[in-house]
Amino acid sequence: MLEGSCLCGDITFQTSAAPQGASMCHCTQCRKQSGGIWASAYVDDHALHISGAVHWFEASPVAKRGICATCGSFLFWKAHDESSTSFALGALDGPTDLMIEKHIFVADKGDYYAIADGLPQRD
């Protein structure tokens, strides 16, 4: 069981499913919302149990982002046409046994760091 929460604890989430697609997102929206790189993985919607009032922000026509309205934690990313939800790896409590598989939207990454871990990179 993986459990996580926002900074203030108003929103909690848990899943017993094995998360997929652990990645580091370098897109402009994730950089602006998280202040850097956003690490996430996803599970099917039916396997993600969320407690608390998530504020969903329509960041683009493609997806929405779930944040805590109290502390501002960026917790979730949900594509409008998918049946899975990504969650912030940084919001998880305790060990995860997950490893990052890839970097995404690297064409948008900041110019103030290098990606040097040898993992696949997708523009």
C-alpha atoms as a PDB file:
ATOM      1  CA  MET A   1       0.000   0.000   0.000  1.00  0.00           C
ATOM      2  CA  LEU A   2       1.346   3.406  -0.985  1.00  0.00           C
ATOM      3  CA  GLU A   3       0.020   6.402   0.902  1.00  0.00           C
ATOM      4  CA  GLY A   4       0.581  10.093   0.359  1.00  0.00           C
ATOM      5  CA  SER A   5      -0.659  13.519   1.292  1.00  0.00           C
ATOM      6  CA  CYS A   6      -0.353  17.207   0.645  1.00  0.00           C
ATOM      7  CA  LEU A   7       1.880  19.353   2.842  1.00  0.00           C
ATOM      8  CA  CYS A   8      -0.894  20.368   5.252  1.00  0.00           C
ATOM      9  CA  GLY A   9      -2.604  16.955   5.347  1.00  0.00           C
ATOM     10  CA  ASP A  10      -6.007  18.137   4.086  1.00  0.00           C
ATOM     11  CA  ILE A  11      -5.744  15.732   1.134  1.00  0.00           C
ATOM     12  CA  THR A  12      -4.594  12.142   1.456  1.00  0.00           C
ATOM     13  CA  PHE A  13      -4.435   9.373  -1.114  1.00  0.00           C
ATOM     14  CA  GLN A  14      -3.594   5.701  -1.268  1.00  0.00           C
ATOM     15  CA  THR A  15      -3.283   2.855  -3.718  1.00  0.00           C
ATOM     16  CA  SER A  16      -2.561  -0.838  -3.434  1.00  0.00           C
ATOM     17  CA  ALA A  17      -1.987  -1.065  -7.201  1.00  0.00           C
ATOM     18  CA  ALA A  18       1.510  -1.159  -8.651  1.00  0.00           C
ATOM     19  CA  PRO A  19       2.190   2.328 -10.068  1.00  0.00           C
ATOM     20  CA  GLN A  20       3.303   2.533 -13.688  1.00  0.00           C
ATOM     21  CA  GLY A  21       5.349   4.953 -15.766  1.00  0.00           C
ATOM     22  CA  ALA A  22       7.472   6.589 -13.070  1.00  0.00           C
ATOM     23  CA  SER A  23       8.868   9.648 -14.800  1.00  0.00           C
ATOM     24  CA  MET A  24      10.320  13.100 -14.371  1.00  0.00           C
ATOM     25  CA  CYS A  25       8.397  15.759 -16.285  1.00  0.00           C
ATOM     26  CA  HIS A  26      10.267  18.825 -17.515  1.00  0.00           C
ATOM     27  CA  CYS A  27       7.357  20.549 -19.301  1.00  0.00           C
ATOM     28  CA  THR A  28       6.798  24.254 -18.790  1.00  0.00           C
ATOM     29  CA  GLN A  29       3.533  23.738 -16.893  1.00  0.00           C
ATOM     30  CA  CYS A  30       5.077  21.259 -14.426  1.00  0.00           C
ATOM     31  CA  ARG A  31       8.118  23.508 -13.961  1.00  0.00           C
ATOM     32  CA  LYS A  32       5.918  26.506 -13.216  1.00  0.00           C
ATOM     33  CA  GLN A  33       3.553  24.633 -10.916  1.00  0.00           C
ATOM     34  CA  SER A  34       6.143  22.618  -8.990  1.00  0.00           C
ATOM     35  CA  GLY A  35       9.064  25.022  -9.158  1.00  0.00           C
ATOM     36  CA  GLY A  36      11.190  22.395 -10.906  1.00  0.00           C
ATOM     37  CA  ILE A  37      10.870  18.864 -12.198  1.00  0.00           C
ATOM     38  CA  TRP A  38       7.688  16.929 -11.329  1.00  0.00           C
ATOM     39  CA  ALA A  39       8.181  13.247 -10.500  1.00  0.00           C
ATOM     40  CA  SER A  40       5.082  11.091 -10.901  1.00  0.00           C
ATOM     41  CA  ALA A  41       3.656   7.648 -11.593  1.00  0.00           C
ATOM     42  CA  TYR A  42       0.134   6.584 -12.445  1.00  0.00           C
ATOM     43  CA  VAL A  43      -2.499   4.015 -11.513  1.00  0.00           C
ATOM     44  CA  ASP A  44      -5.973   3.255 -12.840  1.00  0.00           C
ATOM     45  CA  ASP A  45      -8.586   5.614 -11.459  1.00  0.00           C
ATOM     46  CA  HIS A  46     -10.443   2.825  -9.641  1.00  0.00           C
ATOM     47  CA  ALA A  47      -7.232   1.957  -7.737  1.00  0.00           C
ATOM     48  CA  LEU A  48      -6.554   5.485  -6.454  1.00  0.00           C
ATOM     49  CA  HIS A  49      -8.451   6.482  -3.330  1.00  0.00           C
ATOM     50  CA  ILE A  50      -8.411  10.212  -2.579  1.00  0.00           C
ATOM     51  CA  SER A  51      -9.746  11.825   0.603  1.00  0.00           C
ATOM     52  CA  GLY A  52     -10.192  15.570   0.904  1.00  0.00           C
ATOM     53  CA  ALA A  53     -11.222  18.364  -1.400  1.00  0.00           C
ATOM     54  CA  VAL A  54      -8.957  18.397  -4.434  1.00  0.00           C
ATOM     55  CA  HIS A  55      -9.051  21.631  -6.435  1.00  0.00           C
ATOM     56  CA  TRP A  56      -8.890  20.659 -10.107  1.00  0.00           C
ATOM     57  CA  PHE A  57      -7.251  23.245 -12.347  1.00  0.00           C
ATOM     58  CA  GLU A  58      -7.883  22.992 -16.103  1.00  0.00           C
ATOM     59  CA  ALA A  59      -4.331  23.722 -17.195  1.00  0.00           C
ATOM     60  CA  SER A  60      -4.928  22.835 -20.848  1.00  0.00           C
ATOM     61  CA  PRO A  61      -7.541  21.311 -23.163  1.00  0.00           C
ATOM     62  CA  VAL A  62      -5.754  17.973 -22.678  1.00  0.00           C
ATOM     63  CA  ALA A  63      -5.578  17.600 -18.897  1.00  0.00           C
ATOM     64  CA  LYS A  64      -6.326  18.943 -15.461  1.00  0.00           C
ATOM     65  CA  ARG A  65      -4.100  19.235 -12.397  1.00  0.00           C
ATOM     66  CA  GLY A  66      -5.164  18.464  -8.830  1.00  0.00           C
ATOM     67  CA  ILE A  67      -3.886  20.685  -6.049  1.00  0.00           C
ATOM     68  CA  CYS A  68      -4.618  21.367  -2.405  1.00  0.00           C
ATOM     69  CA  ALA A  69      -6.389  24.713  -2.089  1.00  0.00           C
ATOM     70  CA  THR A  70      -4.985  25.183   1.420  1.00  0.00           C
ATOM     71  CA  CYS A  71      -1.249  24.527   1.032  1.00  0.00           C
ATOM     72  CA  GLY A  72      -0.877  24.572  -2.760  1.00  0.00           C
ATOM     73  CA  SER A  73       0.648  21.096  -3.119  1.00  0.00           C
ATOM     74  CA  PHE A  74       0.532  19.862  -6.729  1.00  0.00           C
ATOM     75  CA  LEU A  75      -0.624  16.263  -6.262  1.00  0.00           C
ATOM     76  CA  PHE A  76      -2.353  14.925  -9.388  1.00  0.00           C
ATOM     77  CA  TRP A  77      -2.379  15.099 -13.173  1.00  0.00           C
ATOM     78  CA  LYS A  78      -5.331  13.688 -15.107  1.00  0.00           C
ATOM     79  CA  ALA A  79      -5.722  13.518 -18.890  1.00  0.00           C
ATOM     80  CA  HIS A  80      -9.316  14.065 -20.003  1.00  0.00           C
ATOM     81  CA  ASP A  81      -9.300  10.978 -22.243  1.00  0.00           C
ATOM     82  CA  GLU A  82      -7.566   8.452 -19.958  1.00  0.00           C
ATOM     83  CA  SER A  83      -8.785   6.223 -17.130  1.00  0.00           C
ATOM     84  CA  SER A  84      -5.671   6.688 -15.015  1.00  0.00           C
ATOM     85  CA  THR A  85      -4.360   9.456 -12.779  1.00  0.00           C
ATOM     86  CA  SER A  86      -0.753  10.439 -12.137  1.00  0.00           C
ATOM     87  CA  PHE A  87       0.264  11.328  -8.599  1.00  0.00           C
ATOM     88  CA  ALA A  88       3.286  13.154  -7.217  1.00  0.00           C
ATOM     89  CA  LEU A  89       6.001  10.783  -6.045  1.00  0.00           C
ATOM     90  CA  GLY A  90       7.234  13.504  -3.708  1.00  0.00           C
ATOM     91  CA  ALA A  91       3.914  13.394  -1.837  1.00  0.00           C
ATOM     92  CA  LEU A  92       4.291   9.718  -0.903  1.00  0.00           C
ATOM     93  CA  ASP A  93       4.955   8.800   2.714  1.00  0.00           C
ATOM     94  CA  GLY A  94       7.747   6.304   3.288  1.00  0.00           C
ATOM     95  CA  PRO A  95       9.621   4.062   0.874  1.00  0.00           C
ATOM     96  CA  THR A  96       8.121   3.462  -2.569  1.00  0.00           C
ATOM     97  CA  ASP A  97      10.271   0.740  -4.195  1.00  0.00           C
ATOM     98  CA  LEU A  98       9.837   2.727  -7.412  1.00  0.00           C
ATOM     99  CA  MET A  99      12.536   3.830  -9.817  1.00  0.00           C
ATOM    100  CA  ILE A 100      12.255   6.578 -12.419  1.00  0.00           C
ATOM    101  CA  GLU A 101      11.959   5.034 -15.912  1.00  0.00           C
ATOM    102  CA  LYS A 102      12.219   8.091 -18.150  1.00  0.00           C
ATOM    103  CA  HIS A 103      12.278  11.860 -18.554  1.00  0.00           C
ATOM    104  CA  ILE A 104       9.465  13.485 -20.515  1.00  0.00           C
ATOM    105  CA  PHE A 105       9.080  16.855 -22.267  1.00  0.00           C
ATOM    106  CA  VAL A 106      12.836  17.402 -22.104  1.00  0.00           C
ATOM    107  CA  ALA A 107      12.639  19.915 -24.966  1.00  0.00           C
ATOM    108  CA  ASP A 108      11.018  22.270 -22.428  1.00  0.00           C
ATOM    109  CA  LYS A 109      13.479  21.702 -19.576  1.00  0.00           C
ATOM    110  CA  GLY A 110      15.174  24.593 -17.858  1.00  0.00           C
ATOM    111  CA  ASP A 111      18.630  25.552 -19.070  1.00  0.00           C
ATOM    112  CA  TYR A 112      20.001  25.585 -15.509  1.00  0.00           C
ATOM    113  CA  TYR A 113      20.485  21.811 -15.148  1.00  0.00           C
ATOM    114  CA  ALA A 114      21.578  18.751 -17.099  1.00  0.00           C
ATOM    115  CA  ILE A 115      19.958  15.335 -17.277  1.00  0.00           C
ATOM    116  CA  ALA A 116      22.832  12.941 -16.739  1.00  0.00           C
ATOM    117  CA  ASP A 117      21.302   9.744 -15.363  1.00  0.00           C
ATOM    118  CA  GLY A 118      21.297   7.828 -18.680  1.00  0.00           C
ATOM    119  CA  LEU A 119      17.528   7.195 -18.644  1.00  0.00           C
ATOM    120  CA  PRO A 120      15.457   7.544 -21.828  1.00  0.00           C
ATOM    121  CA  GLN A 121      14.482  11.108 -22.697  1.00  0.00           C
ATOM    122  CA  ARG A 122      11.399  12.080 -24.694  1.00  0.00           C
ATOM    123  CA  ASP A 123      10.893  15.511 -26.226  1.00  0.00           C
END
